[in-house]
Amino acid sequence: MVLLSVPRSLRVLVCAAAVAYGIAPAIAQAQSGNAKPPDQKAAPAGDANKAAKPSAASRLKDELAEAARALTGPAANPECVWLGQRVVGLLWRDDLDTAFRHLDLYDRFGCPGSHVQVTFRCVVRQGYIDPKSPETLNARVHACWINPALAPSAAAPAAASTAQAGHNGTNK
């Protein structure tokens, strides 16, 4: 409540000083001319596995190239692939507000909304995805984006019947 009694110009000045004070060391270091690159040390043995995995940038590049080969029309455009797959993933995780914001942007790029619908249907038909494994969700969304007519996996009906049996046992 104390801030409300302080004039707005003073509050702006205090905020600007706080921001300037916070970034001043970074500016001073950048202007010091000390452009020495960070030490390049040998990667520890534990990082060898990380080096073997493709980077996120190369994986995205590969996914976009695969979509361009497999699809025709706007659904194969890189911006449509990237945004559309994000929308489907957000829908799966029940983050509807964010999904709808992304869907608005997806539509603005002229991407086909029907492809998001059939991809989400494919993802749902595939069955359960472990929420602690985002790579599994991303891989399934990508596979369904490339081929929305993908047949449900054999594990999906088994998981559904197990869930149904557990649910029926509790409702006596």
C-alpha atoms as a PDB file:
ATOM      1  CA  MET A   1       0.000   0.000   0.000  1.00  0.00           C
ATOM      2  CA  VAL A   2       2.974   2.293   0.503  1.00  0.00           C
ATOM      3  CA  LEU A   3       3.774   2.193  -3.227  1.00  0.00           C
ATOM      4  CA  LEU A   4       0.345   3.559  -4.077  1.00  0.00           C
ATOM      5  CA  SER A   5       1.068   6.803  -2.241  1.00  0.00           C
ATOM      6  CA  VAL A   6       4.372   7.335  -4.093  1.00  0.00           C
ATOM      7  CA  PRO A   7       4.028   9.320  -7.341  1.00  0.00           C
ATOM      8  CA  ARG A   8       4.102   7.220 -10.485  1.00  0.00           C
ATOM      9  CA  SER A   9       7.160   8.991 -11.903  1.00  0.00           C
ATOM     10  CA  LEU A  10       9.164   8.091  -8.807  1.00  0.00           C
ATOM     11  CA  ARG A  11       8.090   4.442  -9.026  1.00  0.00           C
ATOM     12  CA  VAL A  12       9.166   4.336 -12.684  1.00  0.00           C
ATOM     13  CA  LEU A  13      12.506   5.911 -11.791  1.00  0.00           C
ATOM     14  CA  VAL A  14      13.103   3.387  -8.989  1.00  0.00           C
ATOM     15  CA  CYS A  15      12.240   0.469 -11.280  1.00  0.00           C
ATOM     16  CA  ALA A  16      14.520   1.804 -14.026  1.00  0.00           C
ATOM     17  CA  ALA A  17      17.373   2.184 -11.536  1.00  0.00           C
ATOM     18  CA  ALA A  18      16.840  -1.368 -10.299  1.00  0.00           C
ATOM     19  CA  VAL A  19      16.980  -2.738 -13.841  1.00  0.00           C
ATOM     20  CA  ALA A  20      20.052  -0.659 -14.699  1.00  0.00           C
ATOM     21  CA  TYR A  21      21.784  -1.781 -11.518  1.00  0.00           C
ATOM     22  CA  GLY A  22      21.007  -5.400 -12.330  1.00  0.00           C
ATOM     23  CA  ILE A  23      22.436  -5.306 -15.855  1.00  0.00           C
ATOM     24  CA  ALA A  24      25.357  -2.943 -15.213  1.00  0.00           C
ATOM     25  CA  PRO A  25      27.852  -5.749 -14.360  1.00  0.00           C
ATOM     26  CA  ALA A  26      27.006  -7.595 -17.585  1.00  0.00           C
ATOM     27  CA  ILE A  27      27.494  -4.441 -19.652  1.00  0.00           C
ATOM     28  CA  ALA A  28      30.783  -3.653 -17.914  1.00  0.00           C
ATOM     29  CA  GLN A  29      32.084  -7.168 -18.572  1.00  0.00           C
ATOM     30  CA  ALA A  30      31.039  -7.009 -22.231  1.00  0.00           C
ATOM     31  CA  GLN A  31      32.803  -3.641 -22.685  1.00  0.00           C
ATOM     32  CA  SER A  32      35.964  -4.676 -20.860  1.00  0.00           C
ATOM     33  CA  GLY A  33      37.371  -6.253 -24.006  1.00  0.00           C
ATOM     34  CA  ASN A  34      37.915  -9.537 -22.222  1.00  0.00           C
ATOM     35  CA  ALA A  35      36.602 -11.672 -25.055  1.00  0.00           C
ATOM     36  CA  LYS A  36      38.400 -14.762 -23.849  1.00  0.00           C
ATOM     37  CA  PRO A  37      36.340 -17.828 -24.725  1.00  0.00           C
ATOM     38  CA  PRO A  38      35.446 -20.205 -21.906  1.00  0.00           C
ATOM     39  CA  ASP A  39      37.934 -22.953 -21.189  1.00  0.00           C
ATOM     40  CA  GLN A  40      37.445 -25.953 -23.430  1.00  0.00           C
ATOM     41  CA  LYS A  41      37.896 -28.953 -21.201  1.00  0.00           C
ATOM     42  CA  ALA A  42      37.609 -32.565 -22.210  1.00  0.00           C
ATOM     43  CA  ALA A  43      34.102 -33.889 -21.743  1.00  0.00           C
ATOM     44  CA  PRO A  44      33.739 -36.257 -18.800  1.00  0.00           C
ATOM     45  CA  ALA A  45      32.971 -39.882 -19.561  1.00  0.00           C
ATOM     46  CA  GLY A  46      29.337 -39.398 -18.459  1.00  0.00           C
ATOM     47  CA  ASP A  47      28.821 -36.831 -21.222  1.00  0.00           C
ATOM     48  CA  ALA A  48      29.748 -39.331 -23.937  1.00  0.00           C
ATOM     49  CA  ASN A  49      26.151 -40.544 -24.032  1.00  0.00           C
ATOM     50  CA  LYS A  50      24.895 -36.988 -24.437  1.00  0.00           C
ATOM     51  CA  ALA A  51      27.230 -36.474 -27.397  1.00  0.00           C
ATOM     52  CA  ALA A  52      25.876 -39.622 -29.048  1.00  0.00           C
ATOM     53  CA  LYS A  53      22.272 -38.345 -28.852  1.00  0.00           C
ATOM     54  CA  PRO A  54      21.223 -35.954 -31.583  1.00  0.00           C
ATOM     55  CA  SER A  55      20.771 -32.384 -30.449  1.00  0.00           C
ATOM     56  CA  ALA A  56      17.326 -30.851 -30.277  1.00  0.00           C
ATOM     57  CA  ALA A  57      18.122 -28.658 -33.284  1.00  0.00           C
ATOM     58  CA  SER A  58      19.212 -31.570 -35.462  1.00  0.00           C
ATOM     59  CA  ARG A  59      16.253 -33.661 -34.301  1.00  0.00           C
ATOM     60  CA  LEU A  60      13.870 -30.828 -35.233  1.00  0.00           C
ATOM     61  CA  LYS A  61      15.577 -30.447 -38.596  1.00  0.00           C
ATOM     62  CA  ASP A  62      15.181 -34.184 -39.242  1.00  0.00           C
ATOM     63  CA  GLU A  63      11.506 -34.120 -38.206  1.00  0.00           C
ATOM     64  CA  LEU A  64      10.783 -31.179 -40.505  1.00  0.00           C
ATOM     65  CA  ALA A  65      12.549 -32.886 -43.409  1.00  0.00           C
ATOM     66  CA  GLU A  66      10.619 -36.113 -42.773  1.00  0.00           C
ATOM     67  CA  ALA A  67       7.320 -34.211 -42.722  1.00  0.00           C
ATOM     68  CA  ALA A  68       8.214 -32.447 -45.973  1.00  0.00           C
ATOM     69  CA  ARG A  69       8.893 -35.818 -47.639  1.00  0.00           C
ATOM     70  CA  ALA A  70       5.816 -37.587 -46.263  1.00  0.00           C
ATOM     71  CA  LEU A  71       3.163 -34.863 -46.497  1.00  0.00           C
ATOM     72  CA  THR A  72       1.887 -32.520 -49.142  1.00  0.00           C
ATOM     73  CA  GLY A  73       0.222 -29.151 -48.811  1.00  0.00           C
ATOM     74  CA  PRO A  74       0.436 -26.705 -45.932  1.00  0.00           C
ATOM     75  CA  ALA A  75       0.592 -29.434 -43.269  1.00  0.00           C
ATOM     76  CA  ALA A  76       4.163 -30.086 -44.485  1.00  0.00           C
ATOM     77  CA  ASN A  77       5.283 -26.473 -44.000  1.00  0.00           C
ATOM     78  CA  PRO A  78       7.848 -26.181 -41.200  1.00  0.00           C
ATOM     79  CA  GLU A  79       5.809 -23.636 -39.232  1.00  0.00           C
ATOM     80  CA  CYS A  80       2.709 -25.818 -39.503  1.00  0.00           C
ATOM     81  CA  VAL A  81       4.589 -28.937 -38.391  1.00  0.00           C
ATOM     82  CA  TRP A  82       6.194 -27.181 -35.426  1.00  0.00           C
ATOM     83  CA  LEU A  83       3.101 -25.335 -34.220  1.00  0.00           C
ATOM     84  CA  GLY A  84       0.714 -28.198 -34.975  1.00  0.00           C
ATOM     85  CA  GLN A  85       2.731 -30.743 -33.031  1.00  0.00           C
ATOM     86  CA  ARG A  86       2.929 -28.338 -30.092  1.00  0.00           C
ATOM     87  CA  VAL A  87      -0.854 -27.857 -30.177  1.00  0.00           C
ATOM     88  CA  VAL A  88      -1.474 -31.618 -30.146  1.00  0.00           C
ATOM     89  CA  GLY A  89       0.993 -32.123 -27.269  1.00  0.00           C
ATOM     90  CA  LEU A  90      -0.618 -29.340 -25.254  1.00  0.00           C
ATOM     91  CA  LEU A  91      -4.074 -30.782 -25.875  1.00  0.00           C
ATOM     92  CA  TRP A  92      -2.875 -34.179 -24.645  1.00  0.00           C
ATOM     93  CA  ARG A  93      -1.508 -32.599 -21.457  1.00  0.00           C
ATOM     94  CA  ASP A  94      -4.811 -30.740 -20.912  1.00  0.00           C
ATOM     95  CA  ASP A  95      -3.182 -27.312 -21.257  1.00  0.00           C
ATOM     96  CA  LEU A  96      -6.134 -26.028 -23.257  1.00  0.00           C
ATOM     97  CA  ASP A  97      -5.528 -22.296 -22.816  1.00  0.00           C
ATOM     98  CA  THR A  98      -2.017 -22.523 -24.214  1.00  0.00           C
ATOM     99  CA  ALA A  99      -3.133 -24.957 -26.914  1.00  0.00           C
ATOM    100  CA  PHE A 100      -5.813 -22.548 -28.118  1.00  0.00           C
ATOM    101  CA  ARG A 101      -3.341 -19.652 -28.199  1.00  0.00           C
ATOM    102  CA  HIS A 102      -0.991 -21.770 -30.308  1.00  0.00           C
ATOM    103  CA  LEU A 103      -3.919 -22.855 -32.479  1.00  0.00           C
ATOM    104  CA  ASP A 104      -4.751 -19.213 -33.203  1.00  0.00           C
ATOM    105  CA  LEU A 105      -1.184 -18.695 -34.394  1.00  0.00           C
ATOM    106  CA  TYR A 106      -1.347 -21.967 -36.357  1.00  0.00           C
ATOM    107  CA  ASP A 107      -4.467 -20.698 -38.146  1.00  0.00           C
ATOM    108  CA  ARG A 108      -2.841 -17.329 -38.810  1.00  0.00           C
ATOM    109  CA  PHE A 109      -0.063 -19.084 -40.747  1.00  0.00           C
ATOM    110  CA  GLY A 110      -2.709 -20.689 -42.969  1.00  0.00           C
ATOM    111  CA  CYS A 111      -2.118 -24.175 -41.614  1.00  0.00           C
ATOM    112  CA  PRO A 112      -4.892 -26.786 -41.949  1.00  0.00           C
ATOM    113  CA  GLY A 113      -6.887 -27.134 -38.734  1.00  0.00           C
ATOM    114  CA  SER A 114      -8.212 -30.506 -39.848  1.00  0.00           C
ATOM    115  CA  HIS A 115      -4.689 -31.949 -39.671  1.00  0.00           C
ATOM    116  CA  VAL A 116      -4.463 -31.044 -35.975  1.00  0.00           C
ATOM    117  CA  GLN A 117      -7.806 -32.772 -35.423  1.00  0.00           C
ATOM    118  CA  VAL A 118      -6.867 -36.031 -37.147  1.00  0.00           C
ATOM    119  CA  THR A 119      -3.438 -36.031 -35.502  1.00  0.00           C
ATOM    120  CA  PHE A 120      -4.952 -35.607 -32.041  1.00  0.00           C
ATOM    121  CA  ARG A 121      -7.439 -38.395 -32.814  1.00  0.00           C
ATOM    122  CA  CYS A 122      -4.521 -40.646 -33.805  1.00  0.00           C
ATOM    123  CA  VAL A 123      -2.616 -39.829 -30.596  1.00  0.00           C
ATOM    124  CA  VAL A 124      -5.683 -40.593 -28.466  1.00  0.00           C
ATOM    125  CA  ARG A 125      -6.352 -43.848 -30.304  1.00  0.00           C
ATOM    126  CA  GLN A 126      -2.809 -45.011 -29.545  1.00  0.00           C
ATOM    127  CA  GLY A 127      -3.619 -45.184 -25.833  1.00  0.00           C
ATOM    128  CA  TYR A 128      -1.799 -44.375 -22.623  1.00  0.00           C
ATOM    129  CA  ILE A 129       1.418 -42.338 -22.590  1.00  0.00           C
ATOM    130  CA  ASP A 130       3.563 -42.144 -19.471  1.00  0.00           C
ATOM    131  CA  PRO A 131       3.368 -38.481 -18.366  1.00  0.00           C
ATOM    132  CA  LYS A 132       6.909 -38.688 -16.972  1.00  0.00           C
ATOM    133  CA  SER A 133       8.308 -39.427 -20.431  1.00  0.00           C
ATOM    134  CA  PRO A 134       7.836 -36.402 -22.696  1.00  0.00           C
ATOM    135  CA  GLU A 135       9.977 -38.019 -25.406  1.00  0.00           C
ATOM    136  CA  THR A 136       7.333 -40.728 -25.793  1.00  0.00           C
ATOM    137  CA  LEU A 137       4.588 -38.141 -26.282  1.00  0.00           C
ATOM    138  CA  ASN A 138       6.683 -36.144 -28.737  1.00  0.00           C
ATOM    139  CA  ALA A 139       7.533 -39.253 -30.752  1.00  0.00           C
ATOM    140  CA  ARG A 140       3.889 -40.334 -30.884  1.00  0.00           C
ATOM    141  CA  VAL A 141       2.695 -36.865 -31.884  1.00  0.00           C
ATOM    142  CA  HIS A 142       5.308 -36.751 -34.647  1.00  0.00           C
ATOM    143  CA  ALA A 143       4.405 -40.233 -35.902  1.00  0.00           C
ATOM    144  CA  CYS A 144       0.721 -39.311 -35.968  1.00  0.00           C
ATOM    145  CA  TRP A 145       1.473 -35.989 -37.668  1.00  0.00           C
ATOM    146  CA  ILE A 146       3.270 -37.837 -40.453  1.00  0.00           C
ATOM    147  CA  ASN A 147       0.597 -40.557 -40.704  1.00  0.00           C
ATOM    148  CA  PRO A 148      -2.708 -39.710 -38.966  1.00  0.00           C
ATOM    149  CA  ALA A 149      -4.153 -43.048 -40.104  1.00  0.00           C
ATOM    150  CA  LEU A 150      -1.601 -44.911 -37.983  1.00  0.00           C
ATOM    151  CA  ALA A 151      -3.166 -48.068 -36.568  1.00  0.00           C
ATOM    152  CA  PRO A 152      -3.486 -48.222 -32.778  1.00  0.00           C
ATOM    153  CA  SER A 153      -0.643 -50.091 -31.127  1.00  0.00           C
ATOM    154  CA  ALA A 154      -1.258 -53.521 -29.621  1.00  0.00           C
ATOM    155  CA  ALA A 155      -0.470 -52.163 -26.138  1.00  0.00           C
ATOM    156  CA  ALA A 156      -3.328 -49.654 -26.317  1.00  0.00           C
ATOM    157  CA  PRO A 157      -6.201 -52.196 -26.215  1.00  0.00           C
ATOM    158  CA  ALA A 158      -4.469 -54.143 -23.440  1.00  0.00           C
ATOM    159  CA  ALA A 159      -4.034 -50.999 -21.348  1.00  0.00           C
ATOM    160  CA  ALA A 160      -7.632 -50.002 -21.994  1.00  0.00           C
ATOM    161  CA  SER A 161      -8.954 -53.403 -20.950  1.00  0.00           C
ATOM    162  CA  THR A 162      -6.810 -53.360 -17.796  1.00  0.00           C
ATOM    163  CA  ALA A 163      -8.094 -49.900 -16.912  1.00  0.00           C
ATOM    164  CA  GLN A 164     -11.668 -50.980 -17.642  1.00  0.00           C
ATOM    165  CA  ALA A 165     -11.303 -54.121 -15.484  1.00  0.00           C
ATOM    166  CA  GLY A 166      -9.892 -52.071 -12.606  1.00  0.00           C
ATOM    167  CA  HIS A 167     -12.693 -49.544 -12.949  1.00  0.00           C
ATOM    168  CA  ASN A 168     -15.419 -52.190 -13.040  1.00  0.00           C
ATOM    169  CA  GLY A 169     -14.035 -53.855  -9.933  1.00  0.00           C
ATOM    170  CA  THR A 170     -14.456 -50.694  -7.881  1.00  0.00           C
ATOM    171  CA  ASN A 171     -18.076 -50.010  -8.847  1.00  0.00           C
ATOM    172  CA  LYS A 172     -19.949 -52.824  -7.094  1.00  0.00           C
END
